[in-house]
Amino acid sequence: MYGLKQTPHTWYEKLIEHILKINFENFNIDDVTLFIRKVGKIVVYLVVYIDDLLITRNNESYIAYMKQYLKRCFEIKNMGHIIIIWKLK
């Protein structure tokens, strides 16, 4: 698939298909696609930017489920946690 012009678009369509299968709502915001899933008090946010995914939530076990689900559908690499540092002036 590498080197084909339609490869990124095909990957993105397949990703969207799989995420929508597990009942996420889709929101397109400029260059970023945001997916939100609410189940009771659990809220999961999945952000897609080009070929990167960021998943955050208020429930740790659901993240594990999402990783396993995505591993069954795609070859993924977990890059770990994101650390954000705010510097006050």
N, C-alpha and C. Protein backbone atom coordinates (compact mmCIF):
# COMPACT_ATOMS: atom_id res chain seq x y z
N MET A 1 0.80 -1.20 0.00
CA MET A 1 0.00 0.00 0.00
C MET A 1 0.85 1.27 0.00
N TYR A 2 2.08 1.18 0.55
CA TYR A 2 2.91 2.38 0.60
C TYR A 2 3.21 2.88 -0.79
N GLY A 3 3.22 4.18 -0.95
CA GLY A 3 3.53 4.78 -2.23
C GLY A 3 2.31 5.09 -3.08
N LEU A 4 1.17 4.55 -2.72
CA LEU A 4 -0.03 4.85 -3.47
C LEU A 4 -0.65 6.15 -2.97
N LYS A 5 -1.14 6.96 -3.90
CA LYS A 5 -1.71 8.25 -3.52
C LYS A 5 -2.96 8.10 -2.66
N GLN A 6 -3.74 7.06 -2.87
CA GLN A 6 -4.99 6.89 -2.13
C GLN A 6 -4.80 6.20 -0.78
N THR A 7 -3.60 5.76 -0.45
CA THR A 7 -3.36 5.01 0.79
C THR A 7 -3.82 5.76 2.04
N PRO A 8 -3.42 7.03 2.27
CA PRO A 8 -3.88 7.71 3.48
C PRO A 8 -5.40 7.82 3.55
N HIS A 9 -6.03 8.10 2.43
CA HIS A 9 -7.49 8.23 2.41
C HIS A 9 -8.15 6.89 2.71
N THR A 10 -7.62 5.82 2.16
CA THR A 10 -8.16 4.47 2.39
C THR A 10 -8.02 4.10 3.86
N TRP A 11 -6.84 4.37 4.45
CA TRP A 11 -6.61 4.08 5.87
C TRP A 11 -7.59 4.86 6.73
N TYR A 12 -7.75 6.13 6.43
CA TYR A 12 -8.64 7.00 7.21
C TYR A 12 -10.08 6.49 7.13
N GLU A 13 -10.53 6.13 5.94
CA GLU A 13 -11.90 5.61 5.79
C GLU A 13 -12.10 4.32 6.59
N LYS A 14 -11.11 3.44 6.57
CA LYS A 14 -11.19 2.18 7.31
C LYS A 14 -11.20 2.46 8.81
N LEU A 15 -10.38 3.40 9.26
CA LEU A 15 -10.36 3.77 10.67
C LEU A 15 -11.72 4.31 11.11
N ILE A 16 -12.27 5.23 10.34
CA ILE A 16 -13.58 5.80 10.66
C ILE A 16 -14.63 4.70 10.74
N GLU A 17 -14.61 3.80 9.79
CA GLU A 17 -15.57 2.69 9.76
C GLU A 17 -15.51 1.88 11.07
N HIS A 18 -14.31 1.55 11.51
CA HIS A 18 -14.15 0.75 12.73
C HIS A 18 -14.56 1.52 13.98
N ILE A 19 -14.23 2.79 14.04
CA ILE A 19 -14.57 3.59 15.21
C ILE A 19 -16.08 3.81 15.30
N LEU A 20 -16.72 4.03 14.18
CA LEU A 20 -18.17 4.22 14.19
C LEU A 20 -18.90 2.93 14.55
N LYS A 21 -18.30 1.77 14.24
CA LYS A 21 -18.90 0.48 14.60
C LYS A 21 -19.09 0.33 16.11
N ILE A 22 -18.22 0.96 16.88
CA ILE A 22 -18.32 0.84 18.34
C ILE A 22 -18.96 2.09 18.95
N ASN A 23 -19.82 2.72 18.17
CA ASN A 23 -20.74 3.76 18.64
C ASN A 23 -20.10 5.07 19.11
N PHE A 24 -19.06 5.50 18.43
CA PHE A 24 -18.52 6.83 18.68
C PHE A 24 -19.27 7.83 17.80
N GLU A 25 -19.43 9.05 18.30
CA GLU A 25 -19.98 10.14 17.49
C GLU A 25 -18.81 10.86 16.82
N ASN A 26 -19.02 11.31 15.59
CA ASN A 26 -17.96 11.92 14.80
C ASN A 26 -18.16 13.42 14.70
N PHE A 27 -17.08 14.19 14.99
CA PHE A 27 -17.08 15.64 14.85
C PHE A 27 -15.84 16.04 14.08
N ASN A 28 -16.00 16.75 12.97
CA ASN A 28 -14.85 17.24 12.19
C ASN A 28 -14.58 18.68 12.58
N ILE A 29 -13.35 18.94 13.02
CA ILE A 29 -12.96 20.27 13.48
C ILE A 29 -11.69 20.65 12.73
N ASP A 30 -11.82 21.47 11.70
CA ASP A 30 -10.68 21.89 10.88
C ASP A 30 -9.90 20.67 10.40
N ASP A 31 -8.62 20.56 10.78
CA ASP A 31 -7.76 19.47 10.32
C ASP A 31 -7.82 18.24 11.23
N VAL A 32 -8.64 18.30 12.26
CA VAL A 32 -8.69 17.23 13.26
C VAL A 32 -10.08 16.59 13.25
N THR A 33 -10.12 15.29 13.46
CA THR A 33 -11.39 14.60 13.60
C THR A 33 -11.50 14.14 15.05
N LEU A 34 -12.60 14.48 15.68
CA LEU A 34 -12.84 14.13 17.08
C LEU A 34 -13.97 13.12 17.14
N PHE A 35 -13.78 12.07 17.92
CA PHE A 35 -14.81 11.08 18.18
C PHE A 35 -15.07 11.07 19.67
N ILE A 36 -16.34 11.01 20.05
CA ILE A 36 -16.72 10.98 21.47
C ILE A 36 -17.68 9.83 21.68
N ARG A 37 -17.46 9.09 22.76
CA ARG A 37 -18.40 8.03 23.14
C ARG A 37 -18.72 8.19 24.61
N LYS A 38 -20.00 8.24 24.91
CA LYS A 38 -20.47 8.33 26.29
C LYS A 38 -21.29 7.09 26.60
N VAL A 39 -20.93 6.42 27.69
CA VAL A 39 -21.68 5.26 28.18
C VAL A 39 -21.85 5.48 29.68
N GLY A 40 -23.03 5.89 30.08
CA GLY A 40 -23.24 6.22 31.49
C GLY A 40 -22.34 7.37 31.88
N LYS A 41 -21.50 7.13 32.89
CA LYS A 41 -20.57 8.16 33.36
C LYS A 41 -19.23 8.11 32.64
N ILE A 42 -19.04 7.10 31.80
CA ILE A 42 -17.78 6.96 31.05
C ILE A 42 -17.82 7.83 29.80
N VAL A 43 -16.76 8.63 29.62
CA VAL A 43 -16.63 9.46 28.42
C VAL A 43 -15.25 9.19 27.83
N VAL A 44 -15.22 8.87 26.54
CA VAL A 44 -13.96 8.61 25.86
C VAL A 44 -13.86 9.58 24.68
N TYR A 45 -12.70 10.21 24.56
CA TYR A 45 -12.42 11.11 23.45
C TYR A 45 -11.31 10.49 22.62
N LEU A 46 -11.50 10.43 21.32
CA LEU A 46 -10.50 9.91 20.41
C LEU A 46 -10.28 10.98 19.34
N VAL A 47 -9.06 11.46 19.23
CA VAL A 47 -8.72 12.51 18.28
C VAL A 47 -7.82 11.90 17.20
N VAL A 48 -8.16 12.16 15.94
CA VAL A 48 -7.35 11.69 14.81
C VAL A 48 -6.77 12.91 14.12
N TYR A 49 -5.44 12.92 13.99
CA TYR A 49 -4.76 13.97 13.25
C TYR A 49 -3.78 13.28 12.30
N ILE A 50 -4.05 13.36 11.03
CA ILE A 50 -3.28 12.69 9.97
C ILE A 50 -3.28 11.19 10.25
N ASP A 51 -2.17 10.61 10.76
CA ASP A 51 -2.17 9.18 11.06
C ASP A 51 -1.86 8.91 12.53
N ASP A 52 -2.10 9.92 13.36
CA ASP A 52 -1.90 9.77 14.80
C ASP A 52 -3.24 9.77 15.52
N LEU A 53 -3.32 8.99 16.59
CA LEU A 53 -4.52 8.93 17.42
C LEU A 53 -4.16 9.32 18.84
N LEU A 54 -5.03 10.07 19.46
CA LEU A 54 -4.91 10.41 20.87
C LEU A 54 -6.21 9.98 21.53
N ILE A 55 -6.10 9.14 22.56
CA ILE A 55 -7.28 8.65 23.26
C ILE A 55 -7.18 9.09 24.71
N THR A 56 -8.25 9.70 25.21
CA THR A 56 -8.30 10.07 26.62
C THR A 56 -9.69 9.75 27.13
N ARG A 57 -9.82 9.64 28.45
CA ARG A 57 -11.06 9.18 29.04
C ARG A 57 -11.10 9.47 30.53
N ASN A 58 -12.22 9.11 31.13
CA ASN A 58 -12.32 9.17 32.59
C ASN A 58 -12.44 7.76 33.15
N ASN A 59 -12.03 6.74 32.35
CA ASN A 59 -12.12 5.34 32.77
C ASN A 59 -10.97 4.56 32.15
N GLU A 60 -10.03 4.12 32.97
CA GLU A 60 -8.81 3.45 32.48
C GLU A 60 -9.09 2.14 31.75
N SER A 61 -10.05 1.35 32.23
CA SER A 61 -10.28 0.05 31.61
C SER A 61 -10.82 0.18 30.18
N TYR A 62 -11.53 1.25 29.89
CA TYR A 62 -12.04 1.43 28.53
C TYR A 62 -10.91 1.72 27.55
N ILE A 63 -9.88 2.38 28.01
CA ILE A 63 -8.71 2.63 27.15
C ILE A 63 -8.08 1.31 26.76
N ALA A 64 -7.95 0.39 27.70
CA ALA A 64 -7.39 -0.93 27.41
C ALA A 64 -8.24 -1.64 26.36
N TYR A 65 -9.55 -1.53 26.49
CA TYR A 65 -10.46 -2.12 25.50
C TYR A 65 -10.22 -1.51 24.12
N MET A 66 -10.11 -0.19 24.06
CA MET A 66 -9.89 0.50 22.79
C MET A 66 -8.58 0.06 22.13
N LYS A 67 -7.52 -0.05 22.92
CA LYS A 67 -6.24 -0.48 22.38
C LYS A 67 -6.34 -1.89 21.79
N GLN A 68 -6.98 -2.79 22.51
CA GLN A 68 -7.15 -4.16 22.01
C GLN A 68 -7.98 -4.19 20.74
N TYR A 69 -9.04 -3.41 20.72
CA TYR A 69 -9.89 -3.35 19.53
C TYR A 69 -9.09 -2.84 18.33
N LEU A 70 -8.35 -1.76 18.51
CA LEU A 70 -7.58 -1.19 17.41
C LEU A 70 -6.47 -2.13 16.95
N LYS A 71 -5.87 -2.88 17.89
CA LYS A 71 -4.83 -3.85 17.53
C LYS A 71 -5.38 -4.96 16.64
N ARG A 72 -6.65 -5.32 16.84
CA ARG A 72 -7.25 -6.36 16.00
C ARG A 72 -7.49 -5.84 14.58
N CYS A 73 -7.64 -4.55 14.43
CA CYS A 73 -7.98 -3.95 13.13
C CYS A 73 -6.77 -3.37 12.40
N PHE A 74 -5.77 -2.91 13.15
CA PHE A 74 -4.64 -2.19 12.57
C PHE A 74 -3.35 -2.57 13.29
N GLU A 75 -2.25 -2.29 12.63
CA GLU A 75 -0.96 -2.40 13.30
C GLU A 75 -0.75 -1.07 14.03
N ILE A 76 -0.65 -1.13 15.35
CA ILE A 76 -0.53 0.12 16.10
C ILE A 76 0.72 0.09 16.97
N LYS A 77 1.15 1.28 17.37
CA LYS A 77 2.27 1.44 18.28
C LYS A 77 1.82 2.38 19.38
N ASN A 78 1.93 1.93 20.62
CA ASN A 78 1.56 2.76 21.76
C ASN A 78 2.75 3.63 22.13
N MET A 79 2.60 4.93 22.01
CA MET A 79 3.69 5.86 22.29
C MET A 79 3.70 6.33 23.74
N GLY A 80 2.81 5.78 24.56
CA GLY A 80 2.80 6.12 25.98
C GLY A 80 1.91 7.31 26.29
N HIS A 81 2.14 7.87 27.45
CA HIS A 81 1.34 8.98 27.93
C HIS A 81 1.84 10.30 27.38
N ILE A 82 0.94 11.25 27.27
CA ILE A 82 1.30 12.61 26.85
C ILE A 82 1.42 13.45 28.12
N ILE A 83 2.47 14.21 28.18
CA ILE A 83 2.67 15.11 29.32
C ILE A 83 2.56 16.54 28.81
N ILE A 84 1.69 17.30 29.43
CA ILE A 84 1.51 18.70 29.05
C ILE A 84 1.99 19.56 30.21
N ILE A 85 2.86 20.49 29.93
CA ILE A 85 3.38 21.38 30.96
C ILE A 85 2.99 22.80 30.59
N TRP A 86 2.31 23.44 31.49
CA TRP A 86 1.92 24.83 31.30
C TRP A 86 2.87 25.71 32.10
N LYS A 87 3.42 26.71 31.44
CA LYS A 87 4.33 27.62 32.12
C LYS A 87 3.59 28.93 32.31
N LEU A 88 3.46 29.34 33.55
CA LEU A 88 2.82 30.61 33.85
C LEU A 88 3.82 31.74 33.72
N LYS A 89 3.36 32.85 33.20
CA LYS A 89 4.24 34.03 33.06
C LYS A 89 4.15 34.89 34.27
